[in-house]
């Protein structure tokens, strides 16, 4: 499988990275259905959703270059572009999305219920092969062959999602274990008192809980004080 040309330049410049001495990623969760967040914390596992439940309608779409005439270059009339979706090779895969940024306001707004939810920090030191960094392009990708690798399809998204700084766990199993690797819990700015009391009861005391604050200079969400328990 070979791409005829990339859909456009990959967008990576300016992404916030978490590459220090450790590799930590964040799972943002709403608390509307608190049992889902509780499952991560109590059972130390991440739920991996079916491909067809992802929130991007362009997910899995790409262009296939099909020869329609005589010998020609890919940019001449002898080739056609058709949009394809490899549902067959993606159907058995499940995905868990994480971010390497705690700071983006939109992540808290879209995935943590307008800042009423939480972000769970998880360590991936020694498990780097389990995660796949998503790259962002201006357009859909193009391939010579009709069936590109499923992992390649699922790690390319359009530039509209650049702010997510996404990493993905891609697997066939429904749950991915993170035993002993939950580093901290971060509280949204607008978390309710009722949800906070529940979290204080279910989060192990060895796991720190941090408040967050608004950084009005850089327009970011920043970690704040450790919650007193």
Foldseek 3Di string as FASTA:
>chain_A
DDFLDWPADWDDPPDDAPPDVFHKWKDAAECPVVVQVLCCQQVQKHFWAAPVPDDDPCQQKAWEWDAQDDDDRSPDPRIDIDIDGCCVQRRQKTKDKIARDPKDQVCCVPHHVNQQGKMWMFTCVVPVVQKAWAIEDQGGTYHHDRDDDPSVSRRYYHPVCVNRRMMMGMDRDGIGHRPPGGAEMEGGPNHDPVVVVVCVVSHDPVHWYWYWDADPVVRIIGTDDTDDD
